């Protein structure tokens, strides 16, 4: 549990002591109780607030459960009903983020003209998403949660890219090879590029499209004419 977050007992003592919301902040007073059966809706509201705040902060350690509660307009004790601690909330937020990203990547691939265009579209969309959500990207891939928590939900991102690479090979648009290894090479290159763009934005970066085309040609063996 993060040091900046309150415990349920602390919030209970505060409410008994008559602590009021700051003047002008009516969210706690106006929201009221969720009708019975809407607990899942509140949980999703909490996750949505956490996602917005993580994107702004770019650091899960800086997230406070009390601040999330204020954002939603509820008592901090209501957050603990759904999430035992900050890590549990961050993981839930990142899992939803990953699911939504996977769906978006699948959509741009399906809308493409052929397997190579689909694979290229996946990689380009990732770069665009990172530019728009640099904070979430940093938490998703650079947080220490990756070493101390189960983030197996991220595997789907890798697996979908491997399938996209295999489609290119099956269509004869890329040399036959180990699709999983080629996928790993591509993902390493693209993630390295987008991560450096986030953390070192002042470098003389070429257009991401040009870099991705070079990655596809050199790492996946895709002929330039197919790009």
Protein backbone atom coordinates (compact mmCIF):
# COMPACT_ATOMS: atom_id res chain seq x y z
CA UNK A 1 0.00 0.00 0.00
CA UNK A 2 1.38 3.43 -0.88
CA UNK A 3 2.48 5.71 1.87
CA UNK A 4 0.34 8.56 0.59
CA UNK A 5 -2.86 6.52 0.61
CA UNK A 6 -5.09 6.33 3.65
CA UNK A 7 -6.22 3.19 5.38
CA UNK A 8 -9.91 2.39 5.81
CA UNK A 9 -9.47 2.92 9.56
CA UNK A 10 -7.98 6.38 8.99
CA UNK A 11 -10.88 7.40 6.79
CA UNK A 12 -13.36 6.05 9.33
CA UNK A 13 -11.75 8.10 12.11
CA UNK A 14 -11.73 11.17 9.90
CA UNK A 15 -15.42 10.84 9.10
CA UNK A 16 -16.26 10.43 12.78
CA UNK A 17 -14.27 13.56 13.51
CA UNK A 18 -16.52 15.58 11.22
CA UNK A 19 -13.93 16.28 8.46
CA UNK A 20 -15.64 18.08 5.60
CA UNK A 21 -14.80 18.35 1.91
CA UNK A 22 -12.94 21.55 0.99
CA UNK A 23 -15.15 24.53 0.24
CA UNK A 24 -16.29 24.42 -3.38
CA UNK A 25 -15.67 20.66 -3.73
CA UNK A 26 -19.14 19.13 -3.76
CA UNK A 27 -18.33 15.83 -5.46
CA UNK A 28 -18.46 13.73 -2.30
CA UNK A 29 -21.72 15.35 -1.22
CA UNK A 30 -23.43 15.31 -4.60
CA UNK A 31 -22.56 11.83 -5.81
CA UNK A 32 -24.51 9.93 -3.15
CA UNK A 33 -24.61 6.17 -2.89
CA UNK A 34 -24.63 3.94 -5.95
CA UNK A 35 -27.93 2.10 -6.23
CA UNK A 36 -27.77 -1.53 -5.24
CA UNK A 37 -26.28 -3.63 -8.04
CA UNK A 38 -24.11 -0.82 -9.40
CA UNK A 39 -20.95 -1.77 -7.54
CA UNK A 40 -19.33 -2.85 -10.79
CA UNK A 41 -20.09 0.54 -12.29
CA UNK A 42 -18.31 2.24 -9.40
CA UNK A 43 -15.35 -0.09 -9.84
CA UNK A 44 -15.11 0.89 -13.50
CA UNK A 45 -15.34 4.57 -12.57
CA UNK A 46 -12.41 4.10 -10.19
CA UNK A 47 -10.36 2.33 -12.86
CA UNK A 48 -11.16 5.08 -15.39
CA UNK A 49 -10.02 7.75 -12.96
CA UNK A 50 -6.82 5.83 -12.23
CA UNK A 51 -6.10 5.55 -15.97
CA UNK A 52 -6.47 9.30 -16.47
CA UNK A 53 -4.25 10.05 -13.51
CA UNK A 54 -1.58 7.51 -14.47
CA UNK A 55 -1.44 9.01 -17.94
CA UNK A 56 -0.85 12.43 -16.40
CA UNK A 57 1.64 11.25 -13.77
CA UNK A 58 3.60 8.68 -15.79
CA UNK A 59 4.51 7.03 -12.49
CA UNK A 60 2.39 4.52 -10.57
CA UNK A 61 4.30 5.26 -7.35
CA UNK A 62 2.99 8.83 -7.48
CA UNK A 63 -0.64 7.67 -7.56
CA UNK A 64 -2.59 8.14 -4.34
CA UNK A 65 -5.74 6.16 -3.63
CA UNK A 66 -7.09 9.14 -1.75
CA UNK A 67 -6.53 11.30 -4.85
CA UNK A 68 -8.31 8.74 -7.00
CA UNK A 69 -11.24 8.80 -4.59
CA UNK A 70 -11.37 12.59 -4.82
CA UNK A 71 -11.32 12.37 -8.62
CA UNK A 72 -14.30 9.99 -8.62
CA UNK A 73 -16.08 11.93 -5.88
CA UNK A 74 -16.26 9.18 -3.26
CA UNK A 75 -14.81 8.42 0.16
CA UNK A 76 -11.43 6.68 0.18
CA UNK A 77 -13.02 3.74 2.00
CA UNK A 78 -15.08 3.05 -1.13
CA UNK A 79 -11.90 2.46 -3.12
CA UNK A 80 -10.72 -0.17 -0.63
CA UNK A 81 -13.96 -2.09 -1.09
CA UNK A 82 -12.83 -2.85 -4.65
CA UNK A 83 -9.02 -2.71 -4.44
CA UNK A 84 -6.84 -3.89 -1.57
CA UNK A 85 -4.05 -1.44 -2.32
CA UNK A 86 -2.53 0.81 -4.95
CA UNK A 87 -0.86 -2.02 -6.85
CA UNK A 88 -4.17 -3.83 -7.25
CA UNK A 89 -5.77 -0.70 -8.71
CA UNK A 90 -2.85 0.04 -11.02
CA UNK A 91 -2.85 -3.54 -12.32
CA UNK A 92 -6.59 -3.38 -13.00
CA UNK A 93 -6.10 -0.11 -14.87
CA UNK A 94 -3.22 -1.47 -16.93
CA UNK A 95 -5.14 -4.62 -17.78
CA UNK A 96 -8.03 -2.56 -19.13
CA UNK A 97 -5.59 -0.31 -20.98
CA UNK A 98 -3.95 -3.34 -22.59
CA UNK A 99 -7.29 -4.87 -23.59
CA UNK A 100 -8.39 -1.62 -25.25
CA UNK A 101 -5.06 -1.28 -27.03
CA UNK A 102 -5.24 -4.85 -28.34
CA UNK A 103 -8.72 -4.19 -29.73
CA UNK A 104 -7.58 -1.01 -31.46
CA UNK A 105 -4.54 -2.72 -32.96
CA UNK A 106 -6.71 -5.55 -34.27
CA UNK A 107 -9.07 -3.02 -35.86
CA UNK A 108 -6.35 -1.22 -37.81
CA UNK A 109 -4.88 -4.52 -38.97
CA UNK A 110 -8.22 -5.86 -40.20
CA UNK A 111 -8.85 -2.61 -42.07
CA UNK A 112 -5.57 -2.97 -44.00
CA UNK A 113 -5.27 -4.18 -47.57
CA UNK A 114 -2.88 -7.11 -47.02
CA UNK A 115 -0.86 -8.82 -44.25
CA UNK A 116 2.18 -6.53 -44.62
CA UNK A 117 0.02 -3.42 -44.53
CA UNK A 118 -1.73 -4.88 -41.48
CA UNK A 119 1.54 -5.52 -39.63
CA UNK A 120 2.81 -2.06 -40.54
CA UNK A 121 -0.46 -0.49 -39.37
CA UNK A 122 -0.15 -2.26 -36.01
CA UNK A 123 3.35 -0.90 -35.44
CA UNK A 124 2.44 2.62 -36.55
CA UNK A 125 -0.66 2.69 -34.38
CA UNK A 126 1.45 1.73 -31.38
CA UNK A 127 3.73 4.67 -32.06
CA UNK A 128 0.76 7.03 -32.35
CA UNK A 129 -0.77 5.68 -29.15
CA UNK A 130 2.47 6.16 -27.25
CA UNK A 131 2.74 9.76 -28.44
CA UNK A 132 -0.77 10.42 -27.11
CA UNK A 133 -0.43 8.36 -23.92
CA UNK A 134 3.22 8.61 -22.94
CA UNK A 135 2.39 8.42 -19.24
CA UNK A 136 0.45 5.17 -19.56
CA UNK A 137 3.18 3.72 -21.76
CA UNK A 138 5.82 4.45 -19.13
CA UNK A 139 3.76 2.81 -16.39
CA UNK A 140 2.84 -0.17 -18.58
CA UNK A 141 6.40 -0.96 -19.63
CA UNK A 142 8.79 0.81 -17.24
CA UNK A 143 7.12 0.42 -13.83
CA UNK A 144 8.70 -1.88 -11.26
CA UNK A 145 5.36 -3.71 -11.30
CA UNK A 146 6.82 -5.61 -14.24
CA UNK A 147 9.28 -7.28 -11.84
CA UNK A 148 7.06 -7.77 -8.80
CA UNK A 149 3.57 -8.47 -10.11
CA UNK A 150 1.80 -10.74 -12.57
CA UNK A 151 1.35 -8.77 -15.78
CA UNK A 152 0.70 -11.78 -18.00
CA UNK A 153 -2.16 -9.88 -19.65
CA UNK A 154 0.53 -8.10 -21.67
CA UNK A 155 1.36 -11.34 -23.49
CA UNK A 156 -1.58 -10.85 -25.79
CA UNK A 157 0.12 -7.84 -27.36
CA UNK A 158 3.14 -9.97 -28.24
CA UNK A 159 1.06 -12.92 -29.40
CA UNK A 160 -1.03 -10.80 -31.77
CA UNK A 161 2.11 -9.35 -33.35
CA UNK A 162 3.51 -12.85 -33.85
CA UNK A 163 0.29 -13.88 -35.59
CA UNK A 164 0.54 -10.80 -37.83
CA UNK A 165 4.13 -11.70 -38.76
CA UNK A 166 3.09 -15.28 -39.52
CA UNK A 167 0.38 -14.00 -41.87
CA UNK A 168 3.03 -12.15 -43.86
CA UNK A 169 5.12 -15.32 -44.12
CA UNK A 170 2.16 -17.49 -45.06
CA UNK A 171 1.24 -15.04 -47.83
CA UNK A 172 4.78 -15.19 -49.23
CA UNK A 173 5.32 -11.50 -48.46
CA UNK A 174 8.13 -12.20 -45.97
CA UNK A 175 10.72 -15.01 -45.90
CA UNK A 176 9.74 -18.11 -43.95
CA UNK A 177 11.29 -17.95 -40.50
CA UNK A 178 10.50 -18.33 -36.82
CA UNK A 179 7.60 -15.88 -36.54
CA UNK A 180 7.97 -15.58 -32.76
CA UNK A 181 11.63 -14.55 -33.02
CA UNK A 182 10.96 -12.10 -35.85
CA UNK A 183 8.09 -10.67 -33.82
CA UNK A 184 10.38 -10.26 -30.81
CA UNK A 185 12.97 -8.45 -32.95
CA UNK A 186 10.33 -6.12 -34.36
CA UNK A 187 8.77 -5.39 -30.99
CA UNK A 188 12.19 -4.73 -29.44
CA UNK A 189 13.04 -2.28 -32.20
CA UNK A 190 9.72 -0.46 -32.15
CA UNK A 191 9.51 -0.31 -28.35
CA UNK A 192 13.09 0.94 -28.21
CA UNK A 193 12.25 3.67 -30.69
CA UNK A 194 9.03 4.83 -29.04
CA UNK A 195 10.52 4.64 -25.54
CA UNK A 196 13.49 6.78 -26.58
CA UNK A 197 11.12 9.24 -28.26
CA UNK A 198 9.24 9.56 -24.95
CA UNK A 199 12.34 9.87 -22.78
CA UNK A 200 14.64 11.75 -25.19
CA UNK A 201 12.29 13.85 -27.30
CA UNK A 202 14.97 16.38 -28.29
CA UNK A 203 16.99 13.93 -30.39
CA UNK A 204 16.78 14.49 -34.19
CA UNK A 205 14.17 11.79 -34.74
CA UNK A 206 13.26 10.73 -38.29
CA UNK A 207 9.57 10.12 -39.01
CA UNK A 208 8.44 6.97 -37.20
CA UNK A 209 6.98 5.66 -40.46
CA UNK A 210 10.44 5.61 -42.02
CA UNK A 211 11.96 3.81 -39.05
CA UNK A 212 9.21 1.17 -39.03
CA UNK A 213 9.68 0.56 -42.75
CA UNK A 214 13.39 -0.02 -42.14
CA UNK A 215 12.62 -2.37 -39.25
CA UNK A 216 10.23 -4.36 -41.44
CA UNK A 217 12.75 -4.59 -44.26
CA UNK A 218 15.76 -5.48 -42.11
CA UNK A 219 14.15 -7.61 -39.39
CA UNK A 220 11.20 -9.22 -41.16
CA UNK A 221 12.68 -9.33 -44.67
CA UNK A 222 9.72 -7.52 -46.19
CA UNK A 223 10.54 -6.24 -49.68
CA UNK A 224 10.39 -2.44 -49.98
CA UNK A 225 7.82 -2.81 -52.76
CA UNK A 226 5.44 -4.41 -50.25
CA UNK A 227 5.59 -1.42 -47.89
